[in-house]
Amino acid sequence: MRKVAKVGQVAPDGLPITVPLHKLEISDSFFLPCIDTDKAKSQVRMIARKLGLRIAIHLRVERGLYGIRVWRVG
């Protein structure tokens, strides 16, 4: 199992992706396309916890891609 190398980087399906949590203002969001949504949610929550951010995560299908949408709420 490959570990995520940096804070701000997730790899739910094995390919590292940098997520912009540190750049989000309250109510901003981003979509993370992925197959393993449980792993993606867990990894994003861990990053948010380390940064002291409150987030909301919802499963979505956007433009035909399955994944999660992450909002900063606090």
PDB file of N, CA and C in Angstrom:
ATOM      1  N   MET A   1       0.839  -1.180   0.000  1.00  0.00           N
ATOM      2  CA  MET A   1       0.000   0.000   0.000  1.00  0.00           C
ATOM      3  C   MET A   1       0.881   1.239   0.000  1.00  0.00           C
ATOM      4  N   ARG A   2       0.598   2.150  -0.899  1.00  0.00           N
ATOM      5  CA  ARG A   2       1.376   3.372  -1.023  1.00  0.00           C
ATOM      6  C   ARG A   2       0.842   4.438  -0.084  1.00  0.00           C
ATOM      7  N   LYS A   3       1.724   5.104   0.637  1.00  0.00           N
ATOM      8  CA  LYS A   3       1.305   6.150   1.570  1.00  0.00           C
ATOM      9  C   LYS A   3       1.286   7.494   0.872  1.00  0.00           C
ATOM     10  N   VAL A   4       0.448   8.399   1.389  1.00  0.00           N
ATOM     11  CA  VAL A   4       0.399   9.758   0.855  1.00  0.00           C
ATOM     12  C   VAL A   4       1.638  10.488   1.347  1.00  0.00           C
ATOM     13  N   ALA A   5       2.345  11.132   0.435  1.00  0.00           N
ATOM     14  CA  ALA A   5       3.651  11.713   0.740  1.00  0.00           C
ATOM     15  C   ALA A   5       3.577  13.046   1.470  1.00  0.00           C
ATOM     16  N   LYS A   6       2.640  13.898   1.141  1.00  0.00           N
ATOM     17  CA  LYS A   6       2.617  15.252   1.703  1.00  0.00           C
ATOM     18  C   LYS A   6       1.233  15.593   2.231  1.00  0.00           C
ATOM     19  N   VAL A   7       1.196  16.549   3.160  1.00  0.00           N
ATOM     20  CA  VAL A   7      -0.089  17.101   3.580  1.00  0.00           C
ATOM     21  C   VAL A   7      -0.636  17.852   2.378  1.00  0.00           C
ATOM     22  N   GLY A   8      -1.896  17.629   2.052  1.00  0.00           N
ATOM     23  CA  GLY A   8      -2.495  18.256   0.886  1.00  0.00           C
ATOM     24  C   GLY A   8      -2.534  17.316  -0.303  1.00  0.00           C
ATOM     25  N   GLN A   9      -2.074  16.077  -0.113  1.00  0.00           N
ATOM     26  CA  GLN A   9      -2.055  15.117  -1.202  1.00  0.00           C
ATOM     27  C   GLN A   9      -2.813  13.856  -0.781  1.00  0.00           C
ATOM     28  N   VAL A  10      -3.703  13.388  -1.664  1.00  0.00           N
ATOM     29  CA  VAL A  10      -4.448  12.158  -1.416  1.00  0.00           C
ATOM     30  C   VAL A  10      -4.161  11.174  -2.550  1.00  0.00           C
ATOM     31  N   ALA A  11      -4.407   9.907  -2.290  1.00  0.00           N
ATOM     32  CA  ALA A  11      -4.210   8.882  -3.323  1.00  0.00           C
ATOM     33  C   ALA A  11      -5.231   7.759  -3.121  1.00  0.00           C
ATOM     34  N   PRO A  12      -6.525   8.057  -3.210  1.00  0.00           N
ATOM     35  CA  PRO A  12      -7.527   7.021  -2.933  1.00  0.00           C
ATOM     36  C   PRO A  12      -7.496   5.865  -3.926  1.00  0.00           C
ATOM     37  N   ASP A  13      -7.111   6.113  -5.155  1.00  0.00           N
ATOM     38  CA  ASP A  13      -7.075   5.067  -6.181  1.00  0.00           C
ATOM     39  C   ASP A  13      -5.650   4.728  -6.603  1.00  0.00           C
ATOM     40  N   GLY A  14      -4.655   5.165  -5.816  1.00  0.00           N
ATOM     41  CA  GLY A  14      -3.266   4.849  -6.096  1.00  0.00           C
ATOM     42  C   GLY A  14      -2.484   5.949  -6.802  1.00  0.00           C
ATOM     43  N   LEU A  15      -3.168   6.919  -7.379  1.00  0.00           N
ATOM     44  CA  LEU A  15      -2.506   8.022  -8.072  1.00  0.00           C
ATOM     45  C   LEU A  15      -2.543   9.258  -7.180  1.00  0.00           C
ATOM     46  N   PRO A  16      -1.397   9.796  -6.753  1.00  0.00           N
ATOM     47  CA  PRO A  16      -1.388  10.966  -5.870  1.00  0.00           C
ATOM     48  C   PRO A  16      -2.006  12.201  -6.546  1.00  0.00           C
ATOM     49  N   ILE A  17      -2.884  12.873  -5.814  1.00  0.00           N
ATOM     50  CA  ILE A  17      -3.550  14.086  -6.282  1.00  0.00           C
ATOM     51  C   ILE A  17      -3.418  15.126  -5.184  1.00  0.00           C
ATOM     52  N   THR A  18      -2.954  16.320  -5.530  1.00  0.00           N
ATOM     53  CA  THR A  18      -2.871  17.408  -4.560  1.00  0.00           C
ATOM     54  C   THR A  18      -4.227  18.093  -4.473  1.00  0.00           C
ATOM     55  N   VAL A  19      -4.739  18.239  -3.245  1.00  0.00           N
ATOM     56  CA  VAL A  19      -6.026  18.906  -3.041  1.00  0.00           C
ATOM     57  C   VAL A  19      -5.784  20.283  -2.439  1.00  0.00           C
ATOM     58  N   PRO A  20      -6.559  21.290  -2.867  1.00  0.00           N
ATOM     59  CA  PRO A  20      -6.301  22.678  -2.484  1.00  0.00           C
ATOM     60  C   PRO A  20      -6.983  23.127  -1.189  1.00  0.00           C
ATOM     61  N   LEU A  21      -7.053  22.268  -0.171  1.00  0.00           N
ATOM     62  CA  LEU A  21      -7.768  22.645   1.054  1.00  0.00           C
ATOM     63  C   LEU A  21      -7.227  23.934   1.675  1.00  0.00           C
ATOM     64  N   HIS A  22      -5.925  24.113   1.657  1.00  0.00           N
ATOM     65  CA  HIS A  22      -5.321  25.285   2.283  1.00  0.00           C
ATOM     66  C   HIS A  22      -5.689  26.588   1.565  1.00  0.00           C
ATOM     67  N   LYS A  23      -6.161  26.513   0.320  1.00  0.00           N
ATOM     68  CA  LYS A  23      -6.519  27.704  -0.452  1.00  0.00           C
ATOM     69  C   LYS A  23      -7.997  28.049  -0.373  1.00  0.00           C
ATOM     70  N   LEU A  24      -8.818  27.160   0.178  1.00  0.00           N
ATOM     71  CA  LEU A  24     -10.254  27.371   0.171  1.00  0.00           C
ATOM     72  C   LEU A  24     -10.697  28.413   1.189  1.00  0.00           C
ATOM     73  N   GLU A  25     -11.583  29.285   0.735  1.00  0.00           N
ATOM     74  CA  GLU A  25     -12.296  30.201   1.629  1.00  0.00           C
ATOM     75  C   GLU A  25     -13.561  29.472   2.075  1.00  0.00           C
ATOM     76  N   ILE A  26     -14.203  29.949   3.122  1.00  0.00           N
ATOM     77  CA  ILE A  26     -15.446  29.346   3.579  1.00  0.00           C
ATOM     78  C   ILE A  26     -16.465  29.412   2.443  1.00  0.00           C
ATOM     79  N   SER A  27     -17.119  28.305   2.167  1.00  0.00           N
ATOM     80  CA  SER A  27     -18.132  28.048   1.130  1.00  0.00           C
ATOM     81  C   SER A  27     -17.531  27.673  -0.223  1.00  0.00           C
ATOM     82  N   ASP A  28     -16.209  27.705  -0.387  1.00  0.00           N
ATOM     83  CA  ASP A  28     -15.574  27.219  -1.616  1.00  0.00           C
ATOM     84  C   ASP A  28     -15.610  25.691  -1.626  1.00  0.00           C
ATOM     85  N   SER A  29     -15.542  25.103  -2.830  1.00  0.00           N
ATOM     86  CA  SER A  29     -15.535  23.649  -2.932  1.00  0.00           C
ATOM     87  C   SER A  29     -14.678  23.207  -4.108  1.00  0.00           C
ATOM     88  N   PHE A  30     -14.392  21.899  -4.133  1.00  0.00           N
ATOM     89  CA  PHE A  30     -13.726  21.291  -5.274  1.00  0.00           C
ATOM     90  C   PHE A  30     -14.238  19.867  -5.429  1.00  0.00           C
ATOM     91  N   PHE A  31     -14.169  19.359  -6.656  1.00  0.00           N
ATOM     92  CA  PHE A  31     -14.587  17.999  -6.960  1.00  0.00           C
ATOM     93  C   PHE A  31     -13.356  17.128  -7.106  1.00  0.00           C
ATOM     94  N   LEU A  32     -13.375  15.956  -6.474  1.00  0.00           N
ATOM     95  CA  LEU A  32     -12.281  15.003  -6.548  1.00  0.00           C
ATOM     96  C   LEU A  32     -12.814  13.718  -7.177  1.00  0.00           C
ATOM     97  N   PRO A  33     -12.540  13.491  -8.474  1.00  0.00           N
ATOM     98  CA  PRO A  33     -13.002  12.252  -9.098  1.00  0.00           C
ATOM     99  C   PRO A  33     -12.220  11.065  -8.549  1.00  0.00           C
ATOM    100  N   CYS A  34     -12.928   9.997  -8.165  1.00  0.00           N
ATOM    101  CA  CYS A  34     -12.263   8.816  -7.621  1.00  0.00           C
ATOM    102  C   CYS A  34     -13.245   7.652  -7.577  1.00  0.00           C
ATOM    103  N   ILE A  35     -12.708   6.453  -7.475  1.00  0.00           N
ATOM    104  CA  ILE A  35     -13.514   5.237  -7.346  1.00  0.00           C
ATOM    105  C   ILE A  35     -13.691   4.893  -5.867  1.00  0.00           C
ATOM    106  N   ASP A  36     -12.603   4.911  -5.109  1.00  0.00           N
ATOM    107  CA  ASP A  36     -12.636   4.561  -3.686  1.00  0.00           C
ATOM    108  C   ASP A  36     -12.998   5.808  -2.870  1.00  0.00           C
ATOM    109  N   THR A  37     -14.289   6.120  -2.834  1.00  0.00           N
ATOM    110  CA  THR A  37     -14.737   7.352  -2.173  1.00  0.00           C
ATOM    111  C   THR A  37     -14.547   7.306  -0.660  1.00  0.00           C
ATOM    112  N   ASP A  38     -14.656   6.130  -0.058  1.00  0.00           N
ATOM    113  CA  ASP A  38     -14.442   6.036   1.397  1.00  0.00           C
ATOM    114  C   ASP A  38     -13.005   6.413   1.752  1.00  0.00           C
ATOM    115  N   LYS A  39     -12.058   5.906   0.993  1.00  0.00           N
ATOM    116  CA  LYS A  39     -10.650   6.228   1.234  1.00  0.00           C
ATOM    117  C   LYS A  39     -10.386   7.708   0.964  1.00  0.00           C
ATOM    118  N   ALA A  40     -10.988   8.249  -0.096  1.00  0.00           N
ATOM    119  CA  ALA A  40     -10.823   9.671  -0.418  1.00  0.00           C
ATOM    120  C   ALA A  40     -11.353  10.544   0.714  1.00  0.00           C
ATOM    121  N   LYS A  41     -12.550  10.209   1.217  1.00  0.00           N
ATOM    122  CA  LYS A  41     -13.123  10.996   2.318  1.00  0.00           C
ATOM    123  C   LYS A  41     -12.220  10.958   3.541  1.00  0.00           C
ATOM    124  N   SER A  42     -11.721   9.776   3.866  1.00  0.00           N
ATOM    125  CA  SER A  42     -10.840   9.619   5.024  1.00  0.00           C
ATOM    126  C   SER A  42      -9.570  10.449   4.873  1.00  0.00           C
ATOM    127  N   GLN A  43      -8.948  10.385   3.707  1.00  0.00           N
ATOM    128  CA  GLN A  43      -7.708  11.123   3.483  1.00  0.00           C
ATOM    129  C   GLN A  43      -7.940  12.638   3.499  1.00  0.00           C
ATOM    130  N   VAL A  44      -9.030  13.094   2.899  1.00  0.00           N
ATOM    131  CA  VAL A  44      -9.328  14.539   2.892  1.00  0.00           C
ATOM    132  C   VAL A  44      -9.634  15.012   4.310  1.00  0.00           C
ATOM    133  N   ARG A  45     -10.388  14.210   5.070  1.00  0.00           N
ATOM    134  CA  ARG A  45     -10.685  14.591   6.465  1.00  0.00           C
ATOM    135  C   ARG A  45      -9.413  14.692   7.299  1.00  0.00           C
ATOM    136  N   MET A  46      -8.466  13.789   7.081  1.00  0.00           N
ATOM    137  CA  MET A  46      -7.201  13.814   7.827  1.00  0.00           C
ATOM    138  C   MET A  46      -6.437  15.112   7.523  1.00  0.00           C
ATOM    139  N   ILE A  47      -6.398  15.513   6.270  1.00  0.00           N
ATOM    140  CA  ILE A  47      -5.715  16.753   5.892  1.00  0.00           C
ATOM    141  C   ILE A  47      -6.421  17.949   6.531  1.00  0.00           C
ATOM    142  N   ALA A  48      -7.747  17.971   6.454  1.00  0.00           N
ATOM    143  CA  ALA A  48      -8.505  19.081   7.034  1.00  0.00           C
ATOM    144  C   ALA A  48      -8.257  19.183   8.534  1.00  0.00           C
ATOM    145  N   ARG A  49      -8.212  18.039   9.207  1.00  0.00           N
ATOM    146  CA  ARG A  49      -7.946  18.023  10.657  1.00  0.00           C
ATOM    147  C   ARG A  49      -6.574  18.620  10.950  1.00  0.00           C
ATOM    148  N   LYS A  50      -5.562  18.240  10.157  1.00  0.00           N
ATOM    149  CA  LYS A  50      -4.212  18.770  10.366  1.00  0.00           C
ATOM    150  C   LYS A  50      -4.146  20.273  10.134  1.00  0.00           C
ATOM    151  N   LEU A  51      -4.978  20.772   9.208  1.00  0.00           N
ATOM    152  CA  LEU A  51      -4.995  22.207   8.908  1.00  0.00           C
ATOM    153  C   LEU A  51      -5.967  22.977   9.797  1.00  0.00           C
ATOM    154  N   GLY A  52      -6.742  22.268  10.620  1.00  0.00           N
ATOM    155  CA  GLY A  52      -7.705  22.915  11.511  1.00  0.00           C
ATOM    156  C   GLY A  52      -8.922  23.463  10.774  1.00  0.00           C
ATOM    157  N   LEU A  53      -9.320  22.808   9.681  1.00  0.00           N
ATOM    158  CA  LEU A  53     -10.448  23.273   8.876  1.00  0.00           C
ATOM    159  C   LEU A  53     -11.659  22.377   9.076  1.00  0.00           C
ATOM    160  N   ARG A  54     -12.843  22.971   8.994  1.00  0.00           N
ATOM    161  CA  ARG A  54     -14.084  22.204   8.998  1.00  0.00           C
ATOM    162  C   ARG A  54     -14.532  22.045   7.559  1.00  0.00           C
ATOM    163  N   ILE A  55     -14.917  20.829   7.188  1.00  0.00           N
ATOM    164  CA  ILE A  55     -15.328  20.564   5.814  1.00  0.00           C
ATOM    165  C   ILE A  55     -16.607  19.728   5.792  1.00  0.00           C
ATOM    166  N   ALA A  56     -17.281  19.737   4.645  1.00  0.00           N
ATOM    167  CA  ALA A  56     -18.418  18.853   4.372  1.00  0.00           C
ATOM    168  C   ALA A  56     -18.082  18.103   3.092  1.00  0.00           C
ATOM    169  N   ILE A  57     -18.431  16.831   3.045  1.00  0.00           N
ATOM    170  CA  ILE A  57     -18.120  16.002   1.886  1.00  0.00           C
ATOM    171  C   ILE A  57     -19.391  15.275   1.442  1.00  0.00           C
ATOM    172  N   HIS A  58     -19.657  15.289   0.121  1.00  0.00           N
ATOM    173  CA  HIS A  58     -20.809  14.584  -0.434  1.00  0.00           C
ATOM    174  C   HIS A  58     -20.388  13.791  -1.659  1.00  0.00           C
ATOM    175  N   LEU A  59     -20.946  12.585  -1.798  1.00  0.00           N
ATOM    176  CA  LEU A  59     -20.721  11.778  -2.995  1.00  0.00           C
ATOM    177  C   LEU A  59     -21.449  12.429  -4.157  1.00  0.00           C
ATOM    178  N   ARG A  60     -20.802  12.458  -5.335  1.00  0.00           N
ATOM    179  CA  ARG A  60     -21.397  13.125  -6.492  1.00  0.00           C
ATOM    180  C   ARG A  60     -21.023  12.398  -7.780  1.00  0.00           C
ATOM    181  N   VAL A  61     -21.830  12.626  -8.793  1.00  0.00           N
ATOM    182  CA  VAL A  61     -21.479  12.288 -10.166  1.00  0.00           C
ATOM    183  C   VAL A  61     -21.547  13.608 -10.917  1.00  0.00           C
ATOM    184  N   GLU A  62     -20.403  14.060 -11.413  1.00  0.00           N
ATOM    185  CA  GLU A  62     -20.324  15.331 -12.121  1.00  0.00           C
ATOM    186  C   GLU A  62     -19.660  15.103 -13.468  1.00  0.00           C
ATOM    187  N   ARG A  63     -20.327  15.576 -14.524  1.00  0.00           N
ATOM    188  CA  ARG A  63     -19.816  15.403 -15.892  1.00  0.00           C
ATOM    189  C   ARG A  63     -19.488  13.943 -16.185  1.00  0.00           C
ATOM    190  N   GLY A  64     -20.299  13.054 -15.635  1.00  0.00           N
ATOM    191  CA  GLY A  64     -20.123  11.629 -15.873  1.00  0.00           C
ATOM    192  C   GLY A  64     -19.040  10.968 -15.039  1.00  0.00           C
ATOM    193  N   LEU A  65     -18.436  11.702 -14.100  1.00  0.00           N
ATOM    194  CA  LEU A  65     -17.375  11.156 -13.248  1.00  0.00           C
ATOM    195  C   LEU A  65     -17.889  10.984 -11.819  1.00  0.00           C
ATOM    196  N   TYR A  66     -17.603   9.842 -11.230  1.00  0.00           N
ATOM    197  CA  TYR A  66     -17.963   9.536  -9.853  1.00  0.00           C
ATOM    198  C   TYR A  66     -16.869  10.060  -8.936  1.00  0.00           C
ATOM    199  N   GLY A  67     -17.256  10.616  -7.787  1.00  0.00           N
ATOM    200  CA  GLY A  67     -16.251  11.103  -6.852  1.00  0.00           C
ATOM    201  C   GLY A  67     -16.895  11.801  -5.669  1.00  0.00           C
ATOM    202  N   ILE A  68     -16.137  12.709  -5.063  1.00  0.00           N
ATOM    203  CA  ILE A  68     -16.631  13.477  -3.914  1.00  0.00           C
ATOM    204  C   ILE A  68     -16.478  14.964  -4.175  1.00  0.00           C
ATOM    205  N   ARG A  69     -17.401  15.741  -3.618  1.00  0.00           N
ATOM    206  CA  ARG A  69     -17.254  17.198  -3.630  1.00  0.00           C
ATOM    207  C   ARG A  69     -17.006  17.597  -2.186  1.00  0.00           C
ATOM    208  N   VAL A  70     -15.994  18.439  -1.988  1.00  0.00           N
ATOM    209  CA  VAL A  70     -15.575  18.872  -0.655  1.00  0.00           C
ATOM    210  C   VAL A  70     -15.797  20.370  -0.531  1.00  0.00           C
ATOM    211  N   TRP A  71     -16.541  20.792   0.521  1.00  0.00           N
ATOM    212  CA  TRP A  71     -16.763  22.203   0.806  1.00  0.00           C
ATOM    213  C   TRP A  71     -16.047  22.586   2.102  1.00  0.00           C
ATOM    214  N   ARG A  72     -15.499  23.770   2.138  1.00  0.00           N
ATOM    215  CA  ARG A  72     -14.987  24.287   3.408  1.00  0.00           C
ATOM    216  C   ARG A  72     -16.136  25.004   4.087  1.00  0.00           C
ATOM    217  N   VAL A  73     -16.425  24.628   5.326  1.00  0.00           N
ATOM    218  CA  VAL A  73     -17.544  25.207   6.062  1.00  0.00           C
ATOM    219  C   VAL A  73     -17.077  25.985   7.292  1.00  0.00           C
ATOM    220  N   GLY A  74     -15.818  25.938   7.606  1.00  0.00           N
ATOM    221  CA  GLY A  74     -15.343  26.695   8.761  1.00  0.00           C
ATOM    222  C   GLY A  74     -13.858  26.589   8.925  1.00  0.00           C
TER     223      GLY A  74
END
